[in-house]
């Protein structure tokens, strides 16, 4: 994930900073506990495409 892109992307819902989970290929919003997928190197920043993080999943 391009560092410059990561620096400017925010959660489309709450505008919080996102963290990159390289292993899962997702951008994580800690505030909303949502994971936005990255497909073919492109972040999919749509609420309906995001998955909710389960209570068991740690958010770093």
PDB file of N, CA and C in Angstrom:
ATOM      1  N   UNK A   1       0.851  -1.179   0.000  1.00  0.00           N
ATOM      2  CA  UNK A   1       0.000   0.000   0.000  1.00  0.00           C
ATOM      3  C   UNK A   1       0.889   1.232   0.000  1.00  0.00           C
ATOM      4  N   UNK A   2       0.606   2.143  -0.874  1.00  0.00           N
ATOM      5  CA  UNK A   2       1.382   3.366  -0.987  1.00  0.00           C
ATOM      6  C   UNK A   2       1.213   4.220   0.269  1.00  0.00           C
ATOM      7  N   UNK A   3       2.318   4.568   0.881  1.00  0.00           N
ATOM      8  CA  UNK A   3       2.316   5.326   2.138  1.00  0.00           C
ATOM      9  C   UNK A   3       1.618   6.682   1.997  1.00  0.00           C
ATOM     10  N   UNK A   4       1.842   7.357   0.872  1.00  0.00           N
ATOM     11  CA  UNK A   4       1.206   8.664   0.648  1.00  0.00           C
ATOM     12  C   UNK A   4      -0.308   8.532   0.583  1.00  0.00           C
ATOM     13  N   UNK A   5      -0.784   7.485  -0.073  1.00  0.00           N
ATOM     14  CA  UNK A   5      -2.221   7.253  -0.166  1.00  0.00           C
ATOM     15  C   UNK A   5      -2.797   6.942   1.210  1.00  0.00           C
ATOM     16  N   UNK A   6      -2.106   6.116   1.961  1.00  0.00           N
ATOM     17  CA  UNK A   6      -2.557   5.767   3.299  1.00  0.00           C
ATOM     18  C   UNK A   6      -2.639   7.000   4.199  1.00  0.00           C
ATOM     19  N   UNK A   7      -1.739   7.932   4.017  1.00  0.00           N
ATOM     20  CA  UNK A   7      -1.730   9.154   4.826  1.00  0.00           C
ATOM     21  C   UNK A   7      -2.941  10.045   4.564  1.00  0.00           C
ATOM     22  N   UNK A   8      -3.500   9.986   3.363  1.00  0.00           N
ATOM     23  CA  UNK A   8      -4.635  10.869   3.054  1.00  0.00           C
ATOM     24  C   UNK A   8      -5.999  10.185   3.158  1.00  0.00           C
ATOM     25  N   UNK A   9      -6.025   8.853   3.133  1.00  0.00           N
ATOM     26  CA  UNK A   9      -7.304   8.155   3.244  1.00  0.00           C
ATOM     27  C   UNK A   9      -7.829   8.199   4.670  1.00  0.00           C
ATOM     28  N   UNK A  10      -9.145   8.393   4.795  1.00  0.00           N
ATOM     29  CA  UNK A  10      -9.808   8.358   6.094  1.00  0.00           C
ATOM     30  C   UNK A  10     -11.075   7.519   5.956  1.00  0.00           C
ATOM     31  N   UNK A  11     -11.624   7.135   7.076  1.00  0.00           N
ATOM     32  CA  UNK A  11     -12.876   6.377   7.080  1.00  0.00           C
ATOM     33  C   UNK A  11     -13.971   7.245   6.465  1.00  0.00           C
ATOM     34  N   UNK A  12     -14.728   6.706   5.516  1.00  0.00           N
ATOM     35  CA  UNK A  12     -15.790   7.501   4.892  1.00  0.00           C
ATOM     36  C   UNK A  12     -16.950   7.806   5.842  1.00  0.00           C
ATOM     37  N   UNK A  13     -17.039   7.092   6.946  1.00  0.00           N
ATOM     38  CA  UNK A  13     -18.138   7.312   7.886  1.00  0.00           C
ATOM     39  C   UNK A  13     -17.801   8.336   8.957  1.00  0.00           C
ATOM     40  N   UNK A  14     -16.662   8.138   9.629  1.00  0.00           N
ATOM     41  CA  UNK A  14     -16.339   8.997  10.776  1.00  0.00           C
ATOM     42  C   UNK A  14     -15.127   9.896  10.534  1.00  0.00           C
ATOM     43  N   UNK A  15     -14.475   9.733   9.399  1.00  0.00           N
ATOM     44  CA  UNK A  15     -13.295  10.519   9.020  1.00  0.00           C
ATOM     45  C   UNK A  15     -12.071  10.253   9.896  1.00  0.00           C
ATOM     46  N   UNK A  16     -12.048   9.117  10.586  1.00  0.00           N
ATOM     47  CA  UNK A  16     -10.892   8.722  11.400  1.00  0.00           C
ATOM     48  C   UNK A  16      -9.782   8.192  10.512  1.00  0.00           C
ATOM     49  N   UNK A  17      -8.572   8.229  11.026  1.00  0.00           N
ATOM     50  CA  UNK A  17      -7.406   7.673  10.342  1.00  0.00           C
ATOM     51  C   UNK A  17      -7.562   6.157  10.238  1.00  0.00           C
ATOM     52  N   UNK A  18      -7.053   5.597   9.156  1.00  0.00           N
ATOM     53  CA  UNK A  18      -7.130   4.160   8.920  1.00  0.00           C
ATOM     54  C   UNK A  18      -5.762   3.522   9.132  1.00  0.00           C
ATOM     55  N   UNK A  19      -5.775   2.262   9.532  1.00  0.00           N
ATOM     56  CA  UNK A  19      -4.530   1.507   9.627  1.00  0.00           C
ATOM     57  C   UNK A  19      -4.564   0.399   8.580  1.00  0.00           C
ATOM     58  N   UNK A  20      -3.384   0.051   8.086  1.00  0.00           N
ATOM     59  CA  UNK A  20      -3.264  -0.942   7.022  1.00  0.00           C
ATOM     60  C   UNK A  20      -2.914  -2.293   7.616  1.00  0.00           C
ATOM     61  N   UNK A  21      -3.749  -3.282   7.332  1.00  0.00           N
ATOM     62  CA  UNK A  21      -3.481  -4.663   7.738  1.00  0.00           C
ATOM     63  C   UNK A  21      -2.994  -5.391   6.483  1.00  0.00           C
ATOM     64  N   UNK A  22      -1.689  -5.488   6.359  1.00  0.00           N
ATOM     65  CA  UNK A  22      -1.087  -6.074   5.155  1.00  0.00           C
ATOM     66  C   UNK A  22      -1.479  -7.531   4.988  1.00  0.00           C
ATOM     67  N   UNK A  23      -1.486  -8.284   6.082  1.00  0.00           N
ATOM     68  CA  UNK A  23      -1.794  -9.714   6.029  1.00  0.00           C
ATOM     69  C   UNK A  23      -3.201  -9.964   5.481  1.00  0.00           C
ATOM     70  N   UNK A  24      -4.178  -9.173   5.956  1.00  0.00           N
ATOM     71  CA  UNK A  24      -5.563  -9.353   5.522  1.00  0.00           C
ATOM     72  C   UNK A  24      -5.884  -8.562   4.255  1.00  0.00           C
ATOM     73  N   UNK A  25      -5.026  -7.616   3.890  1.00  0.00           N
ATOM     74  CA  UNK A  25      -5.296  -6.789   2.719  1.00  0.00           C
ATOM     75  C   UNK A  25      -6.483  -5.876   2.939  1.00  0.00           C
ATOM     76  N   UNK A  26      -6.494  -5.230   4.111  1.00  0.00           N
ATOM     77  CA  UNK A  26      -7.620  -4.371   4.472  1.00  0.00           C
ATOM     78  C   UNK A  26      -7.134  -3.081   5.125  1.00  0.00           C
ATOM     79  N   UNK A  27      -7.986  -2.070   5.049  1.00  0.00           N
ATOM     80  CA  UNK A  27      -7.781  -0.844   5.801  1.00  0.00           C
ATOM     81  C   UNK A  27      -8.768  -0.866   6.956  1.00  0.00           C
ATOM     82  N   UNK A  28      -8.277  -0.638   8.157  1.00  0.00           N
ATOM     83  CA  UNK A  28      -9.078  -0.786   9.368  1.00  0.00           C
ATOM     84  C   UNK A  28      -9.410   0.568   9.982  1.00  0.00           C
ATOM     85  N   UNK A  29     -10.677   0.757  10.296  1.00  0.00           N
ATOM     86  CA  UNK A  29     -11.115   1.913  11.070  1.00  0.00           C
ATOM     87  C   UNK A  29     -11.347   1.425  12.493  1.00  0.00           C
ATOM     88  N   UNK A  30     -10.498   1.881  13.419  1.00  0.00           N
ATOM     89  CA  UNK A  30     -10.612   1.453  14.811  1.00  0.00           C
ATOM     90  C   UNK A  30     -11.881   2.000  15.456  1.00  0.00           C
ATOM     91  N   UNK A  31     -12.257   3.228  15.132  1.00  0.00           N
ATOM     92  CA  UNK A  31     -13.409   3.874  15.751  1.00  0.00           C
ATOM     93  C   UNK A  31     -14.714   3.139  15.420  1.00  0.00           C
ATOM     94  N   UNK A  32     -14.894   2.774  14.162  1.00  0.00           N
ATOM     95  CA  UNK A  32     -16.128   2.101  13.731  1.00  0.00           C
ATOM     96  C   UNK A  32     -16.015   0.586  13.714  1.00  0.00           C
ATOM     97  N   UNK A  33     -14.788   0.071  13.942  1.00  0.00           N
ATOM     98  CA  UNK A  33     -14.517  -1.372  13.898  1.00  0.00           C
ATOM     99  C   UNK A  33     -14.965  -1.966  12.564  1.00  0.00           C
ATOM    100  N   UNK A  34     -14.506  -1.300  11.490  1.00  0.00           N
ATOM    101  CA  UNK A  34     -14.793  -1.755  10.135  1.00  0.00           C
ATOM    102  C   UNK A  34     -13.495  -2.027   9.399  1.00  0.00           C
ATOM    103  N   UNK A  35     -13.544  -2.994   8.487  1.00  0.00           N
ATOM    104  CA  UNK A  35     -12.403  -3.337   7.648  1.00  0.00           C
ATOM    105  C   UNK A  35     -12.811  -3.143   6.188  1.00  0.00           C
ATOM    106  N   UNK A  36     -12.113  -2.230   5.521  1.00  0.00           N
ATOM    107  CA  UNK A  36     -12.383  -1.952   4.115  1.00  0.00           C
ATOM    108  C   UNK A  36     -11.406  -2.758   3.264  1.00  0.00           C
ATOM    109  N   UNK A  37     -11.911  -3.509   2.286  1.00  0.00           N
ATOM    110  CA  UNK A  37     -11.030  -4.368   1.482  1.00  0.00           C
ATOM    111  C   UNK A  37     -10.177  -3.570   0.502  1.00  0.00           C
ATOM    112  N   UNK A  38      -9.060  -4.177   0.114  1.00  0.00           N
ATOM    113  CA  UNK A  38      -8.211  -3.634  -0.947  1.00  0.00           C
ATOM    114  C   UNK A  38      -8.223  -4.685  -2.049  1.00  0.00           C
ATOM    115  N   UNK A  39      -8.747  -4.311  -3.199  1.00  0.00           N
ATOM    116  CA  UNK A  39      -8.852  -5.245  -4.325  1.00  0.00           C
ATOM    117  C   UNK A  39      -7.992  -4.754  -5.484  1.00  0.00           C
ATOM    118  N   UNK A  40      -7.108  -5.597  -5.944  1.00  0.00           N
ATOM    119  CA  UNK A  40      -6.203  -5.260  -7.049  1.00  0.00           C
ATOM    120  C   UNK A  40      -5.448  -3.968  -6.759  1.00  0.00           C
ATOM    121  N   UNK A  41      -5.075  -3.766  -5.490  1.00  0.00           N
ATOM    122  CA  UNK A  41      -4.311  -2.594  -5.096  1.00  0.00           C
ATOM    123  C   UNK A  41      -5.130  -1.332  -4.903  1.00  0.00           C
ATOM    124  N   UNK A  42      -6.465  -1.453  -5.020  1.00  0.00           N
ATOM    125  CA  UNK A  42      -7.336  -0.287  -4.899  1.00  0.00           C
ATOM    126  C   UNK A  42      -8.220  -0.431  -3.660  1.00  0.00           C
ATOM    127  N   UNK A  43      -8.144   0.532  -2.731  1.00  0.00           N
ATOM    128  CA  UNK A  43      -9.012   0.477  -1.546  1.00  0.00           C
ATOM    129  C   UNK A  43     -10.473   0.686  -1.940  1.00  0.00           C
ATOM    130  N   UNK A  44     -11.335  -0.166  -1.435  1.00  0.00           N
ATOM    131  CA  UNK A  44     -12.774  -0.055  -1.682  1.00  0.00           C
ATOM    132  C   UNK A  44     -13.378   0.614  -0.449  1.00  0.00           C
ATOM    133  N   UNK A  45     -13.627   1.911  -0.548  1.00  0.00           N
ATOM    134  CA  UNK A  45     -14.036   2.699   0.601  1.00  0.00           C
ATOM    135  C   UNK A  45     -15.552   2.900   0.650  1.00  0.00           C
ATOM    136  N   UNK A  46     -16.287   1.839   0.456  1.00  0.00           N
ATOM    137  CA  UNK A  46     -17.747   1.879   0.502  1.00  0.00           C
ATOM    138  C   UNK A  46     -18.232   1.156   1.753  1.00  0.00           C
ATOM    139  N   UNK A  47     -19.175   1.772   2.456  1.00  0.00           N
ATOM    140  CA  UNK A  47     -19.689   1.179   3.689  1.00  0.00           C
ATOM    141  C   UNK A  47     -20.266  -0.211   3.447  1.00  0.00           C
ATOM    142  N   UNK A  48     -20.961  -0.378   2.334  1.00  0.00           N
ATOM    143  CA  UNK A  48     -21.592  -1.681   2.063  1.00  0.00           C
ATOM    144  C   UNK A  48     -20.573  -2.765   1.708  1.00  0.00           C
ATOM    145  N   UNK A  49     -19.355  -2.392   1.367  1.00  0.00           N
ATOM    146  CA  UNK A  49     -18.296  -3.360   1.074  1.00  0.00           C
ATOM    147  C   UNK A  49     -17.449  -3.694   2.300  1.00  0.00           C
ATOM    148  N   UNK A  50     -17.541  -2.874   3.333  1.00  0.00           N
ATOM    149  CA  UNK A  50     -16.748  -3.076   4.552  1.00  0.00           C
ATOM    150  C   UNK A  50     -17.337  -4.217   5.368  1.00  0.00           C
ATOM    151  N   UNK A  51     -16.469  -4.873   6.117  1.00  0.00           N
ATOM    152  CA  UNK A  51     -16.953  -5.908   7.021  1.00  0.00           C
ATOM    153  C   UNK A  51     -16.769  -5.412   8.449  1.00  0.00           C
ATOM    154  N   UNK A  52     -17.688  -5.795   9.301  1.00  0.00           N
ATOM    155  CA  UNK A  52     -17.585  -5.441  10.715  1.00  0.00           C
ATOM    156  C   UNK A  52     -16.587  -6.368  11.385  1.00  0.00           C
ATOM    157  N   UNK A  53     -15.760  -5.797  12.225  1.00  0.00           N
ATOM    158  CA  UNK A  53     -14.794  -6.602  12.966  1.00  0.00           C
ATOM    159  C   UNK A  53     -15.510  -7.268  14.138  1.00  0.00           C
ATOM    160  N   UNK A  54     -15.244  -8.532  14.337  1.00  0.00           N
ATOM    161  CA  UNK A  54     -15.853  -9.254  15.446  1.00  0.00           C
ATOM    162  C   UNK A  54     -15.228  -8.793  16.762  1.00  0.00           C
ATOM    163  N   UNK A  55     -15.915  -8.987  17.872  1.00  0.00           N
ATOM    164  CA  UNK A  55     -15.357  -8.574  19.170  1.00  0.00           C
ATOM    165  C   UNK A  55     -14.045  -9.286  19.489  1.00  0.00           C
ATOM    166  N   UNK A  56     -13.824 -10.471  18.916  1.00  0.00           N
ATOM    167  CA  UNK A  56     -12.612 -11.231  19.181  1.00  0.00           C
ATOM    168  C   UNK A  56     -11.394 -10.682  18.425  1.00  0.00           C
ATOM    169  N   UNK A  57     -11.634  -9.959  17.352  1.00  0.00           N
ATOM    170  CA  UNK A  57     -10.535  -9.433  16.545  1.00  0.00           C
ATOM    171  C   UNK A  57      -9.908  -8.233  17.228  1.00  0.00           C
ATOM    172  N   UNK A  58      -8.600  -8.321  17.395  1.00  0.00           N
ATOM    173  CA  UNK A  58      -7.859  -7.221  18.010  1.00  0.00           C
ATOM    174  C   UNK A  58      -7.631  -6.134  16.976  1.00  0.00           C
ATOM    175  N   UNK A  59      -7.750  -4.904  17.414  1.00  0.00           N
ATOM    176  CA  UNK A  59      -7.478  -3.772  16.565  1.00  0.00           C
ATOM    177  C   UNK A  59      -6.238  -3.085  17.092  1.00  0.00           C
ATOM    178  N   UNK A  60      -5.153  -3.157  16.324  1.00  0.00           N
ATOM    179  CA  UNK A  60      -3.881  -2.592  16.776  1.00  0.00           C
ATOM    180  C   UNK A  60      -3.857  -1.092  16.640  1.00  0.00           C
TER     181      UNK A  60
END
